[in-house]
Structures are given as structure tokens and as C-alpha cells.
Protein backbone atom coordinates (compact mmCIF):
# COMPACT_ATOMS: atom_id res chain seq x y z
CA MET A 1 -56.58 -10.13 55.79
CA ALA A 2 -54.69 -6.45 55.58
CA THR A 3 -56.13 -4.08 58.27
CA ILE A 4 -55.39 -0.63 58.92
CA LYS A 5 -55.04 1.38 62.31
CA HIS A 6 -54.72 5.07 63.27
CA LEU A 7 -53.13 6.43 66.09
CA SER A 8 -51.97 9.94 66.54
CA SER A 9 -49.66 11.65 69.02
CA LYS A 10 -48.75 14.91 70.59
CA ASN A 11 -45.36 14.63 71.50
CA SER A 12 -43.19 16.87 70.50
CA ASN A 13 -40.10 14.77 70.29
CA TYR A 14 -40.32 13.53 66.80
CA ALA A 15 -37.26 11.96 67.58
CA ALA A 16 -39.00 9.32 69.58
CA ALA A 17 -41.27 7.89 66.76
CA GLU A 18 -38.04 6.50 65.24
CA SER A 19 -36.68 5.12 68.34
CA TYR A 20 -39.62 3.23 68.94
CA LEU A 21 -39.54 1.83 65.28
CA THR A 22 -35.96 0.95 65.46
CA PHE A 23 -35.35 -0.27 69.41
CA GLN A 24 -37.21 -2.64 71.33
CA HIS A 25 -39.49 -1.48 74.13
CA ASN A 26 -41.79 -3.39 76.51
CA GLU A 27 -44.65 -3.57 75.22
CA TYR A 28 -46.46 -2.82 78.26
CA THR A 29 -45.00 0.40 80.05
CA GLY A 30 -43.63 1.61 76.49
CA LEU A 31 -40.45 2.22 77.84
CA PRO A 32 -36.77 0.94 76.01
CA ILE A 33 -35.56 -2.31 76.75
CA LEU A 34 -31.64 -1.84 78.08
CA ASP A 35 -28.56 -3.81 77.43
CA GLU A 36 -26.20 -4.82 80.01
CA LYS A 37 -24.00 -1.49 79.81
CA GLY A 38 -27.44 0.37 80.08
CA ARG A 39 -27.79 1.16 76.27
CA PRO A 40 -31.08 0.76 74.28
CA LYS A 41 -31.37 -2.48 72.39
CA LEU A 42 -32.32 -2.78 68.85
CA ARG A 43 -34.66 -4.65 67.15
CA ASP A 44 -33.80 -8.04 65.81
CA SER A 45 -35.29 -7.04 62.59
CA TYR A 46 -36.88 -4.26 60.51
CA LEU A 47 -36.86 -1.98 57.16
CA LEU A 48 -37.06 1.51 57.48
CA ASP A 49 -37.33 4.36 54.74
CA THR A 50 -38.13 8.08 54.80
CA LEU A 51 -40.10 10.03 52.08
CA GLU A 52 -40.36 13.98 51.95
CA CYS A 53 -37.64 14.41 54.32
CA GLY A 54 -34.59 15.24 51.98
CA GLU A 55 -31.32 15.46 53.57
CA SER A 56 -32.45 15.68 57.09
CA SER A 57 -33.67 13.25 59.37
CA PHE A 58 -37.49 12.92 60.04
CA ALA A 59 -37.23 14.95 63.48
CA MET A 60 -35.96 17.49 61.64
CA ALA A 61 -37.42 17.81 58.54
CA CYS A 62 -40.67 18.10 61.15
CA LEU A 63 -39.36 21.11 62.96
CA ILE A 64 -38.02 22.64 60.40
CA ALA A 65 -41.52 22.59 58.58
CA ASN A 66 -43.24 23.58 61.97
CA ARG A 67 -41.12 26.90 62.22
CA LYS A 68 -41.31 27.40 58.67
CA TYR A 69 -44.98 27.66 58.56
CA GLY A 70 -45.55 28.64 62.46
CA LYS A 71 -47.52 25.47 63.19
CA ASN A 72 -47.43 22.72 66.19
CA GLY A 73 -46.37 25.47 68.48
CA GLY A 74 -49.41 24.59 71.11
CA ARG A 75 -49.26 21.64 73.54
CA GLU A 76 -52.61 20.09 72.35
CA ASP A 77 -51.65 20.50 68.59
CA VAL A 78 -51.22 16.85 67.08
CA LYS A 79 -47.41 16.41 66.20
CA THR A 80 -47.78 12.88 63.59
CA HIS A 81 -50.29 10.31 62.71
CA HIS A 82 -49.42 6.87 63.36
CA TYR A 83 -50.91 4.28 60.70
CA ILE A 84 -50.42 0.51 61.04
CA ILE A 85 -51.14 -2.29 57.81
CA SER A 86 -51.12 -5.44 59.53
CA PHE A 87 -51.07 -8.22 56.77
CA ASP A 88 -52.50 -12.01 57.10
CA PRO A 89 -50.25 -14.22 59.09
CA LYS A 90 -51.02 -16.83 56.22
CA ASP A 91 -49.67 -14.29 53.19
CA ALA A 92 -46.15 -15.26 54.23
CA VAL A 93 -46.47 -18.88 53.29
CA GLU A 94 -49.38 -18.52 50.83
CA ASN A 95 -48.43 -15.82 48.89
CA GLY A 96 -44.64 -15.40 49.30
CA LEU A 97 -45.31 -12.32 51.36
CA THR A 98 -41.70 -10.99 52.77
CA MET A 99 -40.44 -8.18 54.54
CA GLU A 100 -38.99 -6.60 50.91
CA ARG A 101 -42.42 -6.67 49.34
CA ALA A 102 -44.60 -5.35 52.43
CA GLN A 103 -41.85 -2.21 52.89
CA ALA A 104 -42.61 -1.65 48.90
CA LEU A 105 -46.17 -1.58 49.15
CA GLY A 106 -46.39 0.39 52.39
CA LEU A 107 -43.89 3.17 50.17
CA GLN A 108 -46.47 3.05 47.98
CA PHE A 109 -49.15 3.56 49.94
CA CYS A 110 -47.75 6.73 51.95
CA LYS A 111 -46.79 8.33 48.49
CA ASP A 112 -50.28 7.63 47.01
CA ASN A 113 -52.42 8.50 50.48
CA PHE A 114 -49.99 11.18 52.10
CA PRO A 115 -48.06 13.05 49.42
CA GLY A 116 -46.22 16.01 50.80
CA HIS A 117 -46.08 15.11 54.25
CA PRO A 118 -42.27 13.92 55.64
CA ALA A 119 -43.03 10.49 56.83
CA ILE A 120 -40.94 6.96 58.01
CA VAL A 121 -42.10 3.86 56.53
CA CYS A 122 -40.99 0.44 58.68
CA THR A 123 -41.80 -2.60 57.95
CA HIS A 124 -41.42 -5.44 61.11
CA PRO A 125 -42.04 -9.01 60.99
CA ASP A 126 -44.22 -9.88 64.02
CA GLY A 127 -46.41 -8.12 66.09
CA HIS A 128 -47.39 -8.03 69.96
CA ASN A 129 -49.74 -11.22 69.41
CA SER A 130 -46.95 -13.18 68.21
CA ALA A 131 -49.04 -14.22 65.10
CA GLY A 132 -46.09 -14.01 62.36
CA ASN A 133 -47.84 -11.12 61.11
CA ILE A 134 -45.60 -8.55 59.01
CA HIS A 135 -47.08 -5.15 59.53
CA VAL A 136 -45.57 -1.52 58.36
CA HIS A 137 -45.98 1.47 60.19
CA ILE A 138 -46.07 4.67 57.99
CA VAL A 139 -45.56 7.69 60.55
CA ILE A 140 -46.15 11.14 59.03
CA GLY A 141 -45.70 14.83 60.48
CA SER A 142 -48.80 16.59 60.74
CA LEU A 143 -47.31 19.40 58.59
CA ARG A 144 -47.20 19.13 54.67
CA VAL A 145 -44.22 20.95 53.89
CA ARG A 146 -45.23 21.26 50.05
CA THR A 147 -48.08 22.11 47.81
CA VAL A 148 -49.45 18.55 45.97
CA GLU A 149 -51.69 17.45 43.12
CA ARG A 150 -55.03 17.29 43.96
CA GLN A 151 -56.29 13.88 44.41
CA PRO A 152 -60.00 12.84 44.27
CA PHE A 153 -60.32 11.69 47.76
CA MET A 154 -59.17 15.57 48.84
CA ASP A 155 -62.19 17.45 49.79
CA LYS A 156 -60.70 21.02 50.77
CA PRO A 157 -57.89 23.05 49.73
CA CYS A 158 -56.12 22.41 53.05
CA ASP A 159 -56.14 18.59 51.90
CA TRP A 160 -53.53 19.62 48.98
CA GLU A 161 -51.75 22.68 49.94
CA ALA A 162 -48.81 23.45 51.77
CA GLY A 163 -48.53 24.78 55.49
CA LYS A 164 -51.75 22.67 56.24
CA LYS A 165 -52.14 20.04 58.64
CA HIS A 166 -53.55 16.45 58.00
CA ARG A 167 -57.31 15.71 58.69
CA CYS A 168 -57.94 11.92 59.57
CA THR A 169 -61.79 12.58 59.16
CA SER A 170 -64.34 9.17 58.93
CA ALA A 171 -64.39 10.11 55.33
CA MET A 172 -60.37 9.75 55.38
CA LEU A 173 -60.34 6.76 56.80
CA ARG A 174 -63.24 4.95 54.47
CA HIS A 175 -60.79 6.05 51.60
CA LEU A 176 -57.64 4.33 53.30
CA ARG A 177 -59.63 1.06 53.99
CA VAL A 178 -61.23 0.93 50.27
CA ALA A 179 -56.86 1.80 49.39
CA VAL A 180 -55.92 -0.96 51.33
CA MET A 181 -58.21 -4.01 49.89
CA GLU A 182 -57.65 -2.20 46.83
CA MET A 183 -53.97 -2.95 47.29
CA CYS A 184 -54.15 -6.22 48.71
CA GLU A 185 -56.75 -7.34 45.59
CA GLN A 186 -53.64 -6.15 43.25
CA ALA A 187 -50.77 -7.80 45.18
CA ASP A 188 -52.98 -11.17 45.13
CA LEU A 189 -52.92 -11.48 49.10
CA ASN A 190 -55.88 -12.36 51.53
CA GLN A 191 -58.16 -9.63 52.48
CA ILE A 192 -61.77 -8.83 53.87
CA ASN A 193 -64.22 -6.13 53.44
CA LEU A 194 -63.04 -3.58 55.48
CA LEU A 195 -65.86 -1.49 55.53
CA GLU A 196 -68.17 -3.55 57.63
CA ALA A 197 -67.27 -4.33 60.62
CA GLN A 198 -66.40 -8.19 61.43
CA GLY A 199 -67.53 -9.66 64.61
CA ASP A 200 -66.75 -8.29 68.48
CA HIS A 201 -65.19 -4.74 68.24
CA VAL A 202 -62.02 -4.39 70.57
CA SER A 203 -60.23 -0.99 70.85
CA GLU A 204 -56.72 -0.81 71.32
CA ARG A 205 -57.91 0.51 75.05
CA GLU A 206 -59.42 -2.67 75.68
CA TYR A 207 -56.70 -4.72 73.82
CA TRP A 208 -53.88 -3.07 76.24
CA ALA A 209 -56.22 -3.68 79.31
CA GLN A 210 -56.95 -7.29 78.20
CA ARG A 211 -52.83 -7.91 77.79
CA ARG A 212 -52.29 -6.28 80.78
CA GLY A 213 -54.56 -7.93 83.09
CA GLN A 214 -53.56 -11.53 81.49
CA ARG A 215 -50.12 -10.78 82.28
CA ARG A 216 -50.93 -9.72 85.98
CA LEU A 217 -53.25 -13.28 86.59
CA ASP A 218 -50.53 -15.10 84.89
CA HIS A 219 -47.89 -13.78 87.73
CA ALA A 220 -50.64 -14.66 90.58
CA ASN A 221 -50.95 -17.82 88.91
CA ALA A 222 -47.86 -18.90 89.37
CA LYS A 223 -47.01 -17.55 93.04
CA LEU A 224 -50.15 -20.05 93.57
CA ALA A 225 -48.45 -23.00 91.51
CA ALA A 226 -45.49 -22.10 94.01
CA GLU A 227 -47.50 -22.48 96.82
CA GLY A 228 -48.99 -25.47 95.65
CA GLN A 229 -52.21 -24.20 95.46
CA GLN A 230 -54.61 -24.47 92.09
CA PRO A 231 -55.59 -21.54 90.46
CA THR A 232 -59.34 -20.90 90.24
CA GLN A 233 -59.27 -18.54 86.90
CA THR A 234 -56.65 -18.99 83.97
CA VAL A 235 -58.19 -16.57 81.13
CA TYR A 236 -58.29 -13.04 82.02
CA GLN A 237 -61.57 -11.34 81.00
CA THR A 238 -61.83 -7.36 80.64
CA GLU A 239 -65.37 -5.59 81.48
CA LEU A 240 -66.48 -5.33 78.19
CA ASP A 241 -65.50 -9.10 77.29
CA LYS A 242 -67.70 -10.12 79.93
CA LEU A 243 -70.59 -8.03 78.91
CA ARG A 244 -70.78 -9.53 75.23
CA LYS A 245 -70.76 -13.05 77.06
CA GLN A 246 -73.14 -12.58 79.28
CA ILE A 247 -75.64 -10.77 76.25
CA TYR A 248 -74.96 -13.21 73.97
CA ALA A 249 -75.60 -16.07 76.27
CA VAL A 250 -79.16 -14.41 76.53
CA LEU A 251 -79.62 -14.18 72.62
CA ASN A 252 -78.89 -17.83 72.12
CA LYS A 253 -81.86 -19.03 74.35
CA THR A 254 -84.33 -16.39 73.79
CA THR A 255 -87.06 -15.80 70.44
CA THR A 256 -88.34 -12.52 70.90
CA PHE A 257 -87.16 -8.83 71.41
CA GLU A 258 -89.27 -8.47 74.76
CA GLU A 259 -88.00 -11.55 75.88
CA PHE A 260 -84.03 -11.12 75.31
CA SER A 261 -84.60 -7.51 76.98
CA ALA A 262 -86.18 -9.02 80.25
CA LEU A 263 -83.83 -12.06 80.72
CA LEU A 264 -81.05 -9.85 80.25
CA MET A 265 -82.04 -7.91 83.19
CA GLN A 266 -83.10 -10.65 85.31
CA GLU A 267 -79.97 -12.45 84.79
CA HIS A 268 -77.37 -10.42 84.82
CA GLY A 269 -78.62 -6.61 85.70
CA ILE A 270 -78.36 -5.51 82.24
CA ALA A 271 -80.57 -2.61 80.45
CA VAL A 272 -81.13 -2.80 76.72
CA LYS A 273 -82.42 0.35 74.98
CA GLU A 274 -82.91 0.99 71.41
CA SER A 275 -82.51 4.91 70.22
CA ARG A 276 -82.89 6.13 66.34
CA GLY A 277 -82.78 2.44 65.25
CA ARG A 278 -79.30 1.46 67.21
CA LEU A 279 -79.43 -0.62 70.45
CA SER A 280 -76.88 0.19 73.15
CA TYR A 281 -76.51 -1.80 76.52
CA CYS A 282 -75.98 -0.83 80.11
CA PRO A 283 -74.36 -3.43 82.54
CA PRO A 284 -75.05 -3.09 86.33
CA GLY A 285 -72.66 -0.12 88.24
CA ARG A 286 -73.19 2.39 84.99
CA THR A 287 -75.21 5.13 84.31
CA LYS A 288 -73.69 5.80 80.73
CA PHE A 289 -75.31 2.80 78.15
CA ILE A 290 -72.66 1.11 75.68
CA THR A 291 -73.64 1.46 72.19
CA ALA A 292 -73.48 -1.79 70.12
CA LYS A 293 -71.48 -0.76 67.75
CA LYS A 294 -68.48 -0.40 70.38
CA LEU A 295 -68.98 -3.71 71.56
CA SER A 296 -69.44 -6.15 68.70
CA LYS A 297 -71.49 -6.12 65.15
CA LYS A 298 -73.72 -9.14 65.93
CA LEU A 299 -75.37 -7.03 68.87
CA GLU A 300 -76.40 -4.35 66.46
CA LYS A 301 -80.24 -4.28 66.11
CA GLU A 302 -80.56 -6.10 62.35
CA GLN A 303 -78.20 -8.93 63.95
CA VAL A 304 -80.12 -9.26 66.78
CA LEU A 305 -83.09 -9.66 65.57
CA THR A 306 -81.83 -12.29 62.79
CA ALA A 307 -80.29 -14.00 65.53
CA LEU A 308 -83.86 -14.38 67.10
CA SER A 309 -85.75 -15.15 64.45
CA GLN A 310 -83.38 -17.96 63.88
CA ASN A 311 -84.12 -19.48 67.12
CA ILE A 312 -87.60 -19.40 66.26
CA GLN A 313 -86.78 -21.66 63.73
CA LEU A 314 -84.69 -23.78 65.89
CA ALA A 315 -87.47 -24.07 68.95
CA ALA A 316 -90.05 -25.50 66.44
CA ILE A 317 -87.42 -28.74 65.05
CA ILE A 318 -85.88 -29.20 68.42
CA GLN A 319 -88.32 -29.77 71.48
CA PRO A 320 -86.88 -29.80 74.95
CA SER A 321 -87.22 -33.45 76.64
CA SER A 322 -89.78 -33.60 80.25
CA GLU A 323 -88.67 -37.21 80.63
CA LYS A 324 -85.97 -37.13 82.84
CA LYS A 325 -82.83 -38.48 81.19
CA PRO A 326 -81.28 -42.19 82.54
CA ASP A 327 -77.98 -41.89 84.32
CA LYS A 328 -75.18 -42.31 81.87
CA ILE A 329 -73.17 -45.48 81.56
CA ARG A 330 -69.95 -45.05 83.21
CA LYS A 331 -66.30 -47.52 82.70
CA LEU A 332 -65.50 -49.72 85.24
CA VAL A 333 -62.46 -48.72 87.69
CA ASP A 334 -59.47 -51.05 87.73
CA ILE A 335 -59.80 -50.92 91.21
CA GLN A 336 -56.51 -52.98 91.72
CA ALA A 337 -54.20 -51.00 89.58
CA ASN A 338 -55.24 -47.99 91.66
CA VAL A 339 -54.73 -49.49 95.07
CA ALA A 340 -51.66 -50.11 94.06
CA ALA A 341 -50.83 -47.05 93.06
CA GLY A 342 -51.53 -45.53 96.35
CA LYS A 343 -55.12 -45.35 97.01
CA GLY A 344 -57.17 -45.85 100.08
CA ILE A 345 -59.36 -47.87 101.46
CA GLY A 346 -61.73 -45.33 101.32
CA TYR A 347 -61.10 -45.28 97.26
CA GLU A 348 -61.58 -48.98 97.39
CA ARG A 349 -65.08 -49.40 98.84
CA TRP A 350 -66.00 -46.38 96.85
CA ALA A 351 -64.85 -47.76 93.67
CA LYS A 352 -66.76 -50.99 94.29
CA LYS A 353 -70.02 -49.67 94.70
CA PHE A 354 -69.51 -47.41 91.64
CA ASN A 355 -68.32 -50.59 89.35
CA LEU A 356 -71.66 -52.61 90.81
CA LYS A 357 -73.92 -49.63 89.78
CA SER A 358 -71.70 -49.42 86.57
CA TRP A 359 -71.98 -53.11 85.69
CA SER A 360 -75.69 -53.06 86.30
CA GLN A 361 -76.33 -49.91 83.87
CA THR A 362 -74.34 -52.04 81.14
CA LEU A 363 -76.66 -55.58 82.03
CA CYS A 364 -79.68 -53.53 81.77
CA LEU A 365 -78.47 -51.57 78.33
CA LEU A 366 -77.51 -54.73 76.71
CA GLN A 367 -80.43 -56.62 77.78
CA GLU A 368 -83.06 -53.55 76.54
CA LYS A 369 -80.99 -53.79 73.03
CA LYS A 370 -80.91 -57.48 72.98
CA LEU A 371 -77.41 -57.53 72.64
CA LEU A 372 -76.22 -60.79 74.99
CA SER A 373 -73.74 -62.07 72.45
CA GLU A 374 -70.69 -60.86 71.68
CA ASP A 375 -70.95 -60.96 68.21
CA ALA A 376 -74.37 -59.15 68.39
CA LEU A 377 -72.61 -56.47 70.19
CA HIS A 378 -69.92 -55.99 67.49
CA GLN A 379 -72.34 -56.53 64.71
CA ARG A 380 -74.48 -53.66 66.04
CA ILE A 381 -71.71 -51.12 67.00
CA ALA A 382 -70.32 -51.66 63.28
CA GLU A 383 -73.97 -50.77 61.43
CA LEU A 384 -74.08 -47.76 63.93
CA GLN A 385 -70.52 -46.69 62.68
CA THR A 386 -71.92 -46.83 59.47
CA GLN A 387 -75.00 -44.77 60.29
CA HIS A 388 -73.28 -42.22 62.09
CA ASP A 389 -70.16 -41.46 59.33
CA ASP A 390 -73.01 -41.72 56.74
CA ALA A 391 -75.16 -39.11 58.12
CA LEU A 392 -72.13 -37.11 59.12
CA ALA A 393 -71.11 -36.76 55.61
CA VAL A 394 -74.69 -35.75 54.30
CA VAL A 395 -74.75 -33.13 57.00
CA LYS A 396 -71.11 -31.55 55.79
CA ASP A 397 -71.85 -31.80 52.22
CA MET A 398 -75.51 -29.62 53.00
CA ASP A 399 -73.46 -27.52 55.06
CA ALA A 400 -70.63 -26.51 52.49
CA ARG A 401 -73.82 -26.21 49.69
CA MET A 402 -75.46 -24.15 52.35
CA VAL A 403 -72.66 -21.94 52.40
CA SER A 404 -72.19 -21.86 49.17
CA LEU A 405 -75.68 -20.39 48.87
CA LYS A 406 -75.33 -17.87 51.20
CA GLU A 407 -72.01 -16.42 49.79
CA LEU A 408 -74.22 -16.11 46.19
CA ARG A 409 -77.14 -14.40 48.22
CA GLY A 410 -74.59 -12.10 49.35
CA HIS A 411 -72.72 -10.92 46.27
CA LEU A 412 -76.35 -11.42 44.68
CA VAL A 413 -77.67 -8.57 46.79
CA VAL A 414 -75.01 -6.62 46.61
CA TYR A 415 -75.27 -6.80 42.83
CA ARG A 416 -78.70 -5.75 42.65
CA GLN A 417 -78.07 -2.81 45.43
CA TYR A 418 -75.64 -0.98 42.91
CA LYS A 419 -76.45 -2.10 39.41
CA PRO A 420 -78.32 1.32 39.42
CA LEU A 421 -74.96 2.97 40.26
CA ALA A 422 -73.26 1.22 37.94
CA GLN A 423 -75.86 2.19 34.75
CA LYS A 424 -75.91 5.66 35.98
CA LEU A 425 -71.99 5.64 35.54
CA GLN A 426 -72.83 5.70 31.91
CA THR A 427 -74.99 8.55 31.90
CA VAL A 428 -72.92 11.19 33.96
CA ARG A 429 -70.67 13.91 32.62
CA ASN A 430 -67.64 13.47 35.08
CA PRO A 431 -67.67 9.66 35.28
CA ALA A 432 -64.10 9.27 36.81
CA LYS A 433 -64.95 11.73 39.56
CA PHE A 434 -68.40 9.88 40.21
CA LYS A 435 -66.66 6.68 40.26
CA GLU A 436 -64.15 8.71 42.83
CA GLN A 437 -67.28 9.44 44.57
CA HIS A 438 -68.99 5.77 45.06
CA ARG A 439 -65.51 4.50 45.32
CA ALA A 440 -66.54 1.50 48.05
CA GLU A 441 -69.62 0.76 46.42
CA PHE A 442 -68.35 0.08 43.02
CA ALA A 443 -65.37 -1.72 44.57
CA VAL A 444 -67.87 -4.86 46.03
CA TYR A 445 -70.23 -4.13 43.04
CA GLU A 446 -67.16 -5.09 41.04
CA ALA A 447 -65.91 -8.25 43.31
CA ALA A 448 -69.48 -9.43 43.05
CA CYS A 449 -69.52 -9.51 39.37
CA ALA A 450 -65.92 -10.99 39.44
CA TYR A 451 -67.87 -13.48 41.80
CA PHE A 452 -70.30 -14.61 39.20
CA LYS A 453 -68.25 -14.58 35.97
CA ALA A 454 -65.30 -17.08 38.04
CA ASN A 455 -68.70 -19.47 38.58
CA GLY A 456 -69.96 -19.16 35.33
CA LEU A 457 -73.13 -17.65 36.38
CA ARG A 458 -74.61 -15.79 33.18
CA THR A 459 -78.06 -15.93 33.97
CA LEU A 460 -78.56 -14.91 37.88
CA PRO A 461 -80.69 -16.95 40.00
CA ASP A 462 -83.92 -15.46 41.83
CA LEU A 463 -83.83 -14.52 45.46
CA LYS A 464 -86.54 -16.27 46.67
CA LYS A 465 -85.92 -19.41 44.73
CA LEU A 466 -82.31 -19.22 47.00
CA ASP A 467 -83.90 -18.54 50.02
CA ALA A 468 -86.52 -21.49 49.25
CA GLU A 469 -83.41 -23.85 48.22
CA TYR A 470 -81.71 -22.85 51.68
CA GLN A 471 -84.74 -23.41 53.97
CA THR A 472 -85.22 -26.91 52.07
CA LEU A 473 -81.29 -27.56 53.08
CA SER A 474 -81.54 -26.73 56.39
CA SER A 475 -84.67 -28.63 57.56
CA GLU A 476 -82.79 -32.04 55.65
CA LYS A 477 -79.67 -31.08 57.38
CA ASN A 478 -81.57 -31.08 60.78
CA GLY A 479 -83.04 -34.23 60.42
CA PHE A 480 -79.75 -35.72 58.95
CA TYR A 481 -77.88 -34.04 61.93
CA THR A 482 -80.38 -35.85 64.12
CA ARG A 483 -79.92 -39.19 62.76
CA TYR A 484 -76.38 -38.55 63.90
CA LYS A 485 -76.48 -36.96 67.18
CA LYS A 486 -79.04 -40.67 67.88
CA ALA A 487 -76.15 -42.71 66.04
CA GLN A 488 -73.66 -41.14 67.86
CA ILE A 489 -75.05 -40.94 71.67
CA GLU A 490 -75.96 -44.59 71.31
CA LEU A 491 -72.56 -45.73 69.42
CA ARG A 492 -71.05 -44.16 72.48
CA GLU A 493 -73.31 -46.57 75.16
CA LEU A 494 -72.61 -49.51 73.20
CA ARG A 495 -68.28 -48.83 73.07
CA THR A 496 -68.45 -48.02 77.17
CA ALA A 497 -70.82 -51.59 77.65
CA GLN A 498 -68.17 -53.31 75.07
CA GLN A 499 -65.00 -51.95 76.68
CA ASN A 500 -66.85 -52.80 80.59
CA VAL A 501 -67.50 -56.66 79.22
CA GLU A 502 -64.36 -56.77 78.09
CA ALA A 503 -62.65 -55.47 81.62
CA PHE A 504 -65.14 -57.61 83.63
CA PHE A 505 -63.89 -60.90 81.89
CA ARG A 506 -60.37 -60.01 82.08
CA LYS A 507 -60.87 -59.22 85.81
CA GLU A 508 -62.10 -62.54 86.24
CA GLU A 509 -59.74 -64.67 84.05
CA ARG A 510 -57.09 -62.78 86.37
CA SER A 511 -58.99 -64.02 89.75
CA HIS A 512 -58.96 -67.93 88.52
CA ALA A 513 -55.13 -67.50 87.33
CA VAL A 514 -53.54 -66.48 90.91
CA PRO A 515 -55.14 -69.71 92.78
CA GLN A 516 -53.03 -72.13 89.83
CA GLN A 517 -49.94 -70.01 90.62
CA GLU A 518 -49.78 -70.26 94.11
CA VAL A 519 -50.47 -74.21 94.04
CA LYS A 520 -47.29 -74.24 91.84
């Protein structure tokens, strides 16, 4: 999946942008990495081109434009805009994406969406996370150096006239996300819907806070390890990440919104409020609420209510057992081997008691199941293995069918929602302008139509029938899942019992073999 990110800079040193793209920099401090002679080290691999700069460098082109139009002289003026298009790491293997191809896509993207601006387009083979994701940096000077032809996504004269500054508005970002989606679709690259938030929202600031915190924690743990101490924490969590996990923990075990909000306050001191149909959360120690949009898509009102309703359905199926669970059967400990390895007399005393308890549990289980012969035990394990594998296969098959139904339902909802818009396109005066105004809606509508065509759906199913089929599959799946878990638990117990029996008789054989060797 390709994503696009925007950063703005007020730095009047335009050469710093090109320096960052071509030389190695410390990812935490932002300072250049120097070689043994004190000179900046070039990056191992990159591709770089400039646009709208003429015979000058990017920095000189920006300075000439500023002097010509008398702009960007203030300290608070935005001097450059930095866009980063990151491609899916799988594209390099599955779809033949190379740095050269990514650079070509980036150049065309820049020409189409930032015409008239001095620009640097630079491709790197990997990112900070070392996931192998090829990404393209597009750095543009904020000032347009020439008047360009008006494009459908341009709203005001300042968007195409020379001497005007680039505006990164919400409408512009929406247009760029759609443009990235269309670019990847035409290039046969992996892509998701960028117009919908996906999972947790991690800002640039939180991302780097987590990276720096993890780095400090790793250094501290290395010191502890050198001193022979065991680290208590290995993964650093930001405050926002802790807040998400606390909310998820409560959300997974509540069934009503009142219970959800009350338990959040009771267990973690987190207040939740609804304003204008949106949820926001306030952890202890703060006075300002954090909107769900800044935390995660899953914590917004609609998704929270959906999760609570699913918990109600699961609660009706899975009833908590009030009976005390029996002790889990443990494997017998090889006392002789551990004592020979250096364990003391205290360990030997504990191990004898532990083995006695485990052996008594094993005998009780075998008597209860009436499996007092080795053949009967082997036969029962084979039967349980068959039941376990069959139930698991059915559960996986139903899971796949439910995923397919869910995908079909999503496309069907989108199709019905935007079909009137597609019909209206046939009657408007200017179809091209109307389609550009609703570009995102038509993109998802056409994707739904393509899905129906690819799956040979000439007659679309009814939503109610799809929901009924999904619920039927869900209830059947729960039944098979219960059988699978029951067989898994019993299978695990009997295998442990089988190992204990084999270990016990091996010990008996060893104890009878020792006197015979001594007589010899």
C-alpha cells in the first residue's frame, strides 16, 4: 500500500533539503553523519532529479523566485513543502517495483500535481523502519515561478498564478491521496483506500517519540545486562499507546456504552465524553480531552458501538463457568538429569513432590477416561486429533467465507450509496467537472463495479440476505470452534499424560538396570 505524508519547513536554507536527501543524517538528531575526515557521508543509494529549476540549482531557483516576487522574507513564512510517497515493501518482490520505476512515478506525480514550482524528486531504497519500502521524496519551493494551466483540483487563482504560494489544504491533501491511489492502480501496485483511516493513528511526533524512547530503553537494558541484571521492560510505549491499550482492554469486555465509560473511569481513571457525535478521551493527569480521531479509527463512536454489540452476541454464546477449574496436568521432571546438571538438594525435594502430584493427576485422568491400556490411550489420541483437525478445517473455511461476505457487503453498500451520483452524471451539463468534484466517490464506486464484474455478479444480492447468511455462518462457526477447543484441551491433556506414562516406565527400567550392571 502506498501512502503520502506532508511536512512543511520554514528553514530559509534551501540547500539543506537537498543535503538531507543526498547525505546520511542521524535519524534522531537530524545532524549529518561525518566520515573519519570530518566530511558528510553520501547515502549508499539514491536517485535525484530537479524540475522547474532551469540551469540553476533548487536552492538558487527558490531564492531567485523569492527576490522576483518579494515573498518568503519573513521568519514565519513556509519556505518549502515536503511530500513523501512510501510504497508497499511487497511491491518490489510481487510487482517488480524498482528505484528507477518509483523515480519515474514520482516525477510524473510532481509534474501533474505541483506544476510551476521548483522541485526536487529523490528516491530512496528503504526507510527508517528498515522494512524495505521504496519511497519518493518530493520537495517543492512554496512559491510558484510561472503561471500554469488551471487543473480541476485548483479552486482559486492563487493555485495557478505565478508569484503565489502553494496551499496544502484538507481538500488538496484529499486530492493527493486520490491521485496516489489512481497512480498505484494504473501501475498495478498494492494500494488501500487512503480516504478512510486504517487502525491506530500514529502522528509523526508520536512515531519519533517511540523511536527515541526505545533507543533510550535499549541502552539502559544493555547496561543492566552487562551488570548481570534482568531488564523489566523491553518495549517502550508512548503515553498515547498506553492509553489506546487501556481503552481496548475495557472495550473488549463490556457490552454497553454506560458500562464502557464507567469501567474506563473505575480501572484506569480515563474519562470519555461525546460531543457532536464524536468521542474523546481524557487520561488522568490531563485537563484537555484527546479526540478519538487522534488515537485510532477503532475508538470512534460508530466503531465502539459496533464492538459493544458484537460483545453482546458473544456473551450469549460463551457463558463463563462458575465451577472451579481443575489443576492443569504437568509433565514429570527428570530429577536425575537436573541434579547431575548442578541442581541442589532443595530442588530435588521440590521435584519429588511435584512429580508425585503430576503422577497422581495423570492416573486420575486415565481412570476417569477409562484409558488404562496403552492401545486405548493411543486410539483415543488419534480420534481426538482427527476431531481437532476436522473442526479446525471447517472453522478456517467458514472464516474465509465470512471474510468474502464482508468484502462483498462493503462493495454493495458503496455501490448503492453512490449509484445515484453515477446516474446524475448522465444528466449534468459538465460531466467532466462534476466527476472531478466527486472524484473520490467515483473512485470507490468504480472499484465496487470492478469487483462485481471480476466475480461474475450480474444480479446483486440483497443486503438482508447477506446479513442473515453471515449470522448463520457465525453461529455455525462458533459451534465448530467450541468442538475444536474442547478437542484441543483434551488432546493436550492426554498427550501430557502419555508422556508422563512413558517417562515413568523409562525411569523404572533405569532403576532395574543399575543393580544388574553392579553385579557384573
